[in-house]
Protein backbone atom coordinates (compact mmCIF):
# COMPACT_ATOMS: atom_id res chain seq x y z
CA UNK A 1 47.00 -7.63 0.70
CA UNK A 2 48.98 -10.79 -0.07
CA UNK A 3 49.55 -11.50 3.60
CA UNK A 4 45.74 -11.47 4.03
CA UNK A 5 45.37 -13.75 1.02
CA UNK A 6 47.93 -16.25 2.32
CA UNK A 7 46.18 -16.34 5.70
CA UNK A 8 42.81 -16.77 3.98
CA UNK A 9 44.13 -19.70 1.92
CA UNK A 10 45.46 -21.40 5.05
CA UNK A 11 42.09 -20.97 6.72
CA UNK A 12 40.33 -22.27 3.61
CA UNK A 13 42.44 -25.43 3.66
CA UNK A 14 41.77 -25.89 7.40
CA UNK A 15 38.02 -25.71 6.79
CA UNK A 16 38.29 -28.15 3.87
CA UNK A 17 39.84 -30.71 6.22
CA UNK A 18 37.30 -29.96 8.96
CA UNK A 19 34.39 -30.54 6.56
CA UNK A 20 35.81 -34.01 5.77
CA UNK A 21 36.04 -34.85 9.48
CA UNK A 22 33.16 -37.13 10.62
CA UNK A 23 33.08 -35.28 13.96
CA UNK A 24 32.26 -32.00 12.20
CA UNK A 25 29.71 -33.68 9.95
CA UNK A 26 27.91 -35.12 13.00
CA UNK A 27 27.52 -31.65 14.55
CA UNK A 28 24.94 -29.74 12.46
CA UNK A 29 25.74 -26.38 14.08
CA UNK A 30 29.49 -26.66 13.53
CA UNK A 31 29.06 -28.10 10.03
CA UNK A 32 26.72 -25.26 8.98
CA UNK A 33 29.08 -22.64 10.42
CA UNK A 34 32.11 -24.18 8.66
CA UNK A 35 30.24 -24.53 5.36
CA UNK A 36 29.13 -20.89 5.50
CA UNK A 37 32.70 -19.69 6.05
CA UNK A 38 33.99 -22.04 3.35
CA UNK A 39 31.44 -20.72 0.88
CA UNK A 40 32.35 -17.08 1.66
CA UNK A 41 36.07 -17.78 1.19
CA UNK A 42 35.71 -19.81 -2.04
CA UNK A 43 35.52 -16.89 -4.55
CA UNK A 44 38.52 -15.19 -2.88
CA UNK A 45 40.68 -18.33 -2.91
CA UNK A 46 39.71 -19.27 -6.47
CA UNK A 47 40.69 -15.79 -7.65
CA UNK A 48 43.95 -15.87 -5.62
CA UNK A 49 44.90 -19.23 -7.13
CA UNK A 50 44.16 -17.83 -10.57
CA UNK A 51 46.51 -14.94 -9.70
CA UNK A 52 49.28 -17.33 -8.59
CA UNK A 53 48.95 -19.44 -11.75
CA UNK A 54 49.28 -16.39 -13.99
CA UNK A 55 52.23 -15.13 -11.95
CA UNK A 56 53.94 -18.51 -12.31
CA UNK A 57 53.24 -18.56 -16.06
CA UNK A 58 54.58 -15.02 -16.38
CA UNK A 59 57.81 -15.92 -14.58
CA UNK A 60 58.18 -18.99 -16.82
CA UNK A 61 57.72 -16.84 -19.94
CA UNK A 62 60.29 -14.35 -18.61
CA UNK A 63 62.88 -17.12 -18.12
CA UNK A 64 62.20 -18.40 -21.65
CA UNK A 65 62.69 -14.88 -23.03
CA UNK A 66 66.13 -14.77 -21.41
CA UNK A 67 67.11 -18.07 -23.01
CA UNK A 68 65.57 -17.97 -26.47
CA UNK A 69 65.62 -15.83 -29.61
CA UNK A 70 63.55 -15.56 -32.77
CA UNK A 71 60.10 -17.11 -32.91
CA UNK A 72 60.29 -18.76 -29.44
CA UNK A 73 61.22 -15.40 -27.93
CA UNK A 74 58.21 -13.77 -29.59
CA UNK A 75 55.87 -16.49 -28.26
CA UNK A 76 57.28 -16.10 -24.76
CA UNK A 77 56.97 -12.30 -24.95
CA UNK A 78 53.35 -12.56 -26.00
CA UNK A 79 52.59 -14.94 -23.10
CA UNK A 80 54.43 -12.62 -20.69
CA UNK A 81 52.31 -9.63 -21.78
CA UNK A 82 49.04 -11.59 -21.56
CA UNK A 83 49.82 -12.84 -18.05
CA UNK A 84 50.87 -9.36 -16.92
CA UNK A 85 47.58 -7.86 -18.14
CA UNK A 86 45.57 -10.62 -16.44
CA UNK A 87 47.46 -10.13 -13.17
CA UNK A 88 46.67 -6.41 -13.12
CA UNK A 89 42.96 -7.14 -13.61
CA UNK A 90 42.94 -9.93 -11.00
CA UNK A 91 44.68 -7.68 -8.45
CA UNK A 92 41.81 -5.17 -8.69
CA UNK A 93 39.24 -7.96 -8.41
CA UNK A 94 41.01 -9.31 -5.31
CA UNK A 95 40.96 -5.87 -3.67
CA UNK A 96 37.17 -5.80 -4.03
CA UNK A 97 36.78 -9.40 -2.84
CA UNK A 98 38.79 -8.58 0.29
CA UNK A 99 36.46 -5.77 1.33
CA UNK A 100 34.88 -6.97 4.60
CA UNK A 101 31.47 -8.44 3.83
CA UNK A 102 28.41 -7.01 5.52
CA UNK A 103 27.44 -9.75 8.02
CA UNK A 104 23.77 -9.07 7.25
CA UNK A 105 24.05 -9.57 3.49
CA UNK A 106 22.73 -13.14 3.40
CA UNK A 107 19.76 -12.42 5.67
CA UNK A 108 16.09 -12.14 4.84
CA UNK A 109 14.62 -8.66 5.16
CA UNK A 110 11.66 -6.85 6.63
CA UNK A 111 10.51 -3.98 4.40
CA UNK A 112 8.26 -1.15 5.57
CA UNK A 113 6.84 1.42 3.17
CA UNK A 114 5.00 4.43 4.58
CA UNK A 115 3.22 7.21 2.73
CA UNK A 116 4.91 10.56 3.35
CA UNK A 117 4.05 14.06 2.17
CA UNK A 118 1.26 14.24 -0.39
CA UNK A 119 -1.85 12.71 1.17
CA UNK A 120 -3.72 10.22 -1.01
CA UNK A 121 -1.19 10.58 -3.81
CA UNK A 122 1.62 9.57 -1.44
CA UNK A 123 -0.39 6.50 -0.40
CA UNK A 124 -0.91 5.53 -4.05
CA UNK A 125 2.84 5.90 -4.64
CA UNK A 126 3.55 3.66 -1.62
CA UNK A 127 1.44 0.94 -3.27
CA UNK A 128 3.42 1.40 -6.52
CA UNK A 129 6.69 0.87 -4.63
CA UNK A 130 5.31 -2.26 -2.96
CA UNK A 131 4.33 -3.65 -6.36
CA UNK A 132 7.77 -2.76 -7.78
CA UNK A 133 9.67 -4.60 -5.05
CA UNK A 134 7.30 -7.58 -5.18
CA UNK A 135 7.76 -7.95 -8.94
CA UNK A 136 11.55 -7.71 -8.66
CA UNK A 137 11.55 -10.27 -5.85
CA UNK A 138 9.33 -12.70 -7.76
CA UNK A 139 11.46 -12.52 -10.91
CA UNK A 140 14.70 -13.05 -8.97
CA UNK A 141 13.79 -16.06 -6.87
CA UNK A 142 12.91 -14.28 -3.62
CA UNK A 143 9.77 -15.08 -1.64
CA UNK A 144 7.51 -12.18 -0.57
CA UNK A 145 5.10 -12.41 2.36
CA UNK A 146 2.75 -9.57 3.19
CA UNK A 147 2.43 -9.11 6.97
CA UNK A 148 0.30 -6.00 7.33
CA UNK A 149 -1.24 -3.22 5.28
CA UNK A 150 -3.25 -0.09 6.03
CA UNK A 151 -5.18 0.72 2.85
CA UNK A 152 -6.88 3.93 1.77
CA UNK A 153 -10.18 4.29 -0.06
CA UNK A 154 -8.52 4.67 -3.48
CA UNK A 155 -6.34 1.59 -3.12
CA UNK A 156 -3.22 3.29 -1.79
CA UNK A 157 -1.24 2.23 1.27
CA UNK A 158 -0.75 4.46 4.28
CA UNK A 159 1.75 1.81 5.31
CA UNK A 160 2.63 -1.73 4.29
CA UNK A 161 5.02 -4.25 5.85
CA UNK A 162 6.29 -7.39 4.17
CA UNK A 163 9.04 -10.00 4.40
CA UNK A 164 11.43 -10.86 1.56
CA UNK A 165 13.28 -14.13 2.00
CA UNK A 166 16.00 -15.80 -0.06
CA UNK A 167 19.76 -16.02 -0.20
CA UNK A 168 21.33 -12.56 -0.32
CA UNK A 169 18.04 -10.69 0.15
CA UNK A 170 19.57 -7.96 2.33
CA UNK A 171 22.53 -7.50 -0.02
CA UNK A 172 20.09 -6.67 -2.84
CA UNK A 173 17.57 -4.50 -1.00
CA UNK A 174 19.65 -2.76 1.68
CA UNK A 175 20.27 0.44 -0.33
CA UNK A 176 16.53 1.09 -0.73
CA UNK A 177 16.10 2.65 2.73
CA UNK A 178 15.29 6.34 2.56
CA UNK A 179 12.82 8.83 1.10
CA UNK A 180 11.53 8.11 -2.42
CA UNK A 181 10.03 11.10 -4.25
CA UNK A 182 7.52 10.96 -7.09
CA UNK A 183 6.67 13.74 -9.55
CA UNK A 184 3.50 13.13 -11.57
CA UNK A 185 -0.02 14.32 -12.33
CA UNK A 186 -2.28 12.61 -9.77
CA UNK A 187 -5.45 10.82 -10.86
CA UNK A 188 -7.34 13.16 -8.56
CA UNK A 189 -5.89 16.32 -10.20
CA UNK A 190 -8.31 17.94 -12.65
CA UNK A 191 -6.00 20.80 -13.72
CA UNK A 192 -3.21 18.56 -15.01
CA UNK A 193 -0.65 19.96 -12.58
CA UNK A 194 2.40 17.94 -11.55
CA UNK A 195 2.48 17.15 -7.83
CA UNK A 196 5.42 16.01 -5.74
CA UNK A 197 4.81 13.33 -3.11
CA UNK A 198 7.01 11.06 -1.04
CA UNK A 199 7.10 7.64 0.55
CA UNK A 200 9.62 6.33 3.07
CA UNK A 201 11.17 2.88 2.73
CA UNK A 202 12.89 1.05 5.59
CA UNK A 203 14.78 -2.20 4.92
CA UNK A 204 15.70 -4.17 8.05
CA UNK A 205 17.73 -7.40 8.18
CA UNK A 206 15.85 -10.23 9.84
CA UNK A 207 17.48 -11.03 13.19
CA UNK A 208 18.18 -14.48 14.61
CA UNK A 209 17.04 -15.22 18.15
CA UNK A 210 20.65 -15.23 19.40
CA UNK A 211 21.30 -11.74 18.01
CA UNK A 212 18.58 -9.99 19.99
CA UNK A 213 17.89 -10.44 23.68
CA UNK A 214 14.10 -10.42 23.88
CA UNK A 215 12.62 -10.68 27.36
CA UNK A 216 9.08 -11.93 26.91
CA UNK A 217 7.97 -10.05 30.03
CA UNK A 218 8.76 -6.85 28.10
CA UNK A 219 6.27 -7.75 25.35
CA UNK A 220 2.51 -7.31 25.51
CA UNK A 221 0.69 -9.63 23.09
CA UNK A 222 -2.80 -8.58 22.00
CA UNK A 223 -5.24 -10.26 19.64
CA UNK A 224 -7.71 -8.32 17.53
CA UNK A 225 -9.89 -8.58 14.47
CA UNK A 226 -8.19 -8.03 11.13
CA UNK A 227 -9.10 -4.93 9.19
CA UNK A 228 -9.17 -4.11 5.51
CA UNK A 229 -9.75 -6.40 2.55
CA UNK A 230 -10.23 -10.08 3.19
CA UNK A 231 -13.91 -10.90 3.21
CA UNK A 232 -16.18 -11.95 6.05
CA UNK A 233 -13.60 -14.24 7.69
CA UNK A 234 -11.27 -11.48 8.86
CA UNK A 235 -14.16 -9.61 10.47
CA UNK A 236 -15.33 -12.58 12.54
CA UNK A 237 -12.10 -14.01 14.00
CA UNK A 238 -9.45 -12.38 16.17
CA UNK A 239 -6.53 -13.68 14.13
CA UNK A 240 -4.57 -10.41 13.98
CA UNK A 241 -1.70 -9.97 16.43
CA UNK A 242 -0.38 -6.77 17.98
CA UNK A 243 2.92 -6.76 19.89
CA UNK A 244 3.94 -3.88 22.14
CA UNK A 245 7.57 -3.78 23.25
CA UNK A 246 7.34 -1.81 26.48
CA UNK A 247 11.00 -0.66 26.84
CA UNK A 248 11.11 0.92 23.36
CA UNK A 249 7.44 1.58 22.64
CA UNK A 250 7.68 -0.34 19.35
CA UNK A 251 4.29 -1.62 18.14
CA UNK A 252 4.08 -4.39 15.55
CA UNK A 253 0.84 -5.59 13.97
CA UNK A 254 0.42 -8.62 11.72
CA UNK A 255 -2.91 -9.58 10.18
CA UNK A 256 -2.19 -11.15 6.82
CA UNK A 257 -2.54 -14.80 7.83
CA UNK A 258 -5.82 -16.38 8.92
CA UNK A 259 -3.85 -18.36 11.49
CA UNK A 260 -3.21 -16.48 14.73
CA UNK A 261 -0.09 -18.62 15.28
CA UNK A 262 1.39 -17.64 11.90
CA UNK A 263 0.63 -13.98 12.48
CA UNK A 264 2.32 -14.17 15.88
CA UNK A 265 5.40 -15.82 14.38
CA UNK A 266 5.69 -13.12 11.69
CA UNK A 267 5.09 -10.34 14.21
CA UNK A 268 7.96 -11.54 16.39
CA UNK A 269 10.22 -11.69 13.31
CA UNK A 270 9.43 -8.03 12.61
CA UNK A 271 9.91 -7.03 16.27
CA UNK A 272 13.31 -8.74 16.43
CA UNK A 273 14.32 -7.02 13.17
CA UNK A 274 13.35 -3.62 14.60
CA UNK A 275 15.28 -4.23 17.82
CA UNK A 276 18.28 -5.47 15.86
CA UNK A 277 18.07 -2.34 13.70
CA UNK A 278 18.23 -0.14 16.82
CA UNK A 279 21.26 -2.09 18.03
CA UNK A 280 22.95 -1.75 14.62
CA UNK A 281 22.27 1.97 14.40
CA UNK A 282 23.71 2.61 17.85
CA UNK A 283 26.85 0.74 16.83
CA UNK A 284 27.06 2.59 13.52
CA UNK A 285 26.98 5.96 15.24
CA UNK A 286 30.45 5.14 16.51
CA UNK A 287 31.69 4.92 12.92
CA UNK A 288 29.60 7.76 11.51
CA UNK A 289 32.58 9.42 9.82
CA UNK A 290 33.18 6.24 7.83
CA UNK A 291 29.53 5.96 6.82
CA UNK A 292 29.50 9.49 5.41
CA UNK A 293 31.93 8.34 2.75
CA UNK A 294 29.75 5.42 1.70
CA UNK A 295 26.48 5.01 -0.18
CA UNK A 296 25.19 3.60 3.10
CA UNK A 297 22.14 1.56 3.91
CA UNK A 298 19.84 4.45 4.43
CA UNK A 299 19.34 7.44 6.63
CA UNK A 300 15.56 7.35 6.43
CA UNK A 301 15.31 11.11 6.37
CA UNK A 302 17.50 11.26 3.27
CA UNK A 303 15.88 11.75 -0.13
CA UNK A 304 17.52 9.05 -2.18
CA UNK A 305 15.55 8.80 -5.43
CA UNK A 306 13.15 10.69 -7.68
CA UNK A 307 10.61 9.05 -10.00
CA UNK A 308 9.66 11.61 -12.68
CA UNK A 309 6.64 10.45 -14.69
CA UNK A 310 6.46 13.28 -17.27
CA UNK A 311 10.08 12.66 -18.31
CA UNK A 312 9.91 8.88 -17.87
CA UNK A 313 13.03 8.77 -15.73
CA UNK A 314 14.20 7.63 -12.32
CA UNK A 315 17.27 9.22 -10.71
CA UNK A 316 19.22 8.02 -7.70
CA UNK A 317 20.71 11.11 -6.06
CA UNK A 318 23.38 9.27 -4.05
CA UNK A 319 25.27 8.13 -7.13
CA UNK A 320 23.89 10.55 -9.74
CA UNK A 321 22.59 7.70 -11.91
CA UNK A 322 19.49 8.05 -14.11
CA UNK A 323 17.48 5.39 -15.94
CA UNK A 324 15.16 6.53 -18.75
CA UNK A 325 12.75 3.60 -18.61
CA UNK A 326 10.49 4.42 -15.70
CA UNK A 327 7.68 2.06 -16.69
CA UNK A 328 9.99 -0.98 -16.80
CA UNK A 329 11.62 0.13 -13.55
CA UNK A 330 8.26 0.30 -11.76
CA UNK A 331 7.45 -3.15 -13.17
CA UNK A 332 10.36 -4.57 -11.18
CA UNK A 333 13.28 -4.05 -13.56
CA UNK A 334 15.44 -2.47 -10.85
CA UNK A 335 18.45 -4.80 -11.04
CA UNK A 336 20.71 -2.36 -12.90
CA UNK A 337 20.10 0.34 -10.27
CA UNK A 338 20.81 -2.09 -7.42
CA UNK A 339 24.03 -3.20 -9.15
CA UNK A 340 25.19 0.42 -9.56
CA UNK A 341 24.54 1.16 -5.88
CA UNK A 342 26.44 -1.96 -4.76
CA UNK A 343 29.38 -1.08 -7.03
CA UNK A 344 29.49 2.51 -5.76
CA UNK A 345 29.42 1.31 -2.16
CA UNK A 346 32.24 -1.18 -2.83
CA UNK A 347 34.33 1.55 -4.49
CA UNK A 348 33.92 3.85 -1.48
CA UNK A 349 34.84 1.06 0.93
CA UNK A 350 37.87 0.24 -1.22
CA UNK A 351 39.06 3.84 -0.91
CA UNK A 352 38.68 3.59 2.84
CA UNK A 353 40.80 0.43 2.95
CA UNK A 354 43.69 1.93 0.98
């Protein structure tokens, strides 16, 4: 571990010098790349330097203990113990900081929610999940942009796609992929019986142009009239965009914006994210045994969470964690759950590194 830390500190100092070099500053691409690496290394190096300071102080206290008696010895002993305790804590923190960072963590995300088993009730639950994520995003400084929605007569969503942008968006939302199950009495149920319905969530990191080779001759671009809510305007203009990626059969539709150009831009973002996701999943199959030991970022066929209305609780089955404040959770107070999932994932990765 300390060999890695020494190498990281050397690299950190190299980048510091590079950032002060006018040649680097005059090259936006190189400067941005260096600044990103510098920023990622900063918490590790700050913690390592804190470790070295406490180790130095501990050694100084030990030398004083060997030379002194009485009150000075007691002071030195106390300092020695304090430094030793701090070092043990910092060592554990450094182990976690050295876990390889997911390269997608800082990216924006594309989120798709689809109604699963349960008919209209599943569609209503999909709309509840969309509201939950939107409220969490809004209260935590993320920007949400709706790109497409297929509504039902009762206000549910057969499917909804939206973008969440902001620093660290993927790191916060990546564990939400999977099957979400709801247990409640539907509004349409006259007998008061509890029904079980599901919705599937997919969270995809937004891909940069350089990360996905997209041959425009492989893409069919169609324009069409928007459907659903939106007034007379959406019925009169062909502002909606449909992309068909011929090699994979992926179809992306975007109709939220009145501008055809904006819809096209968003649609290509979603298409690139889907193609990047395929690329990532193919790569991850090679390390499937490792993924089985982690919380993971979502096998979409896996039931990951249950929302139980009668008992007012939400349970994540991957980590066995339950929150007994369902109403607040559905109003966007999901931060504690996301923190628990991230911690569990880090702990599993730490085991794998040992």
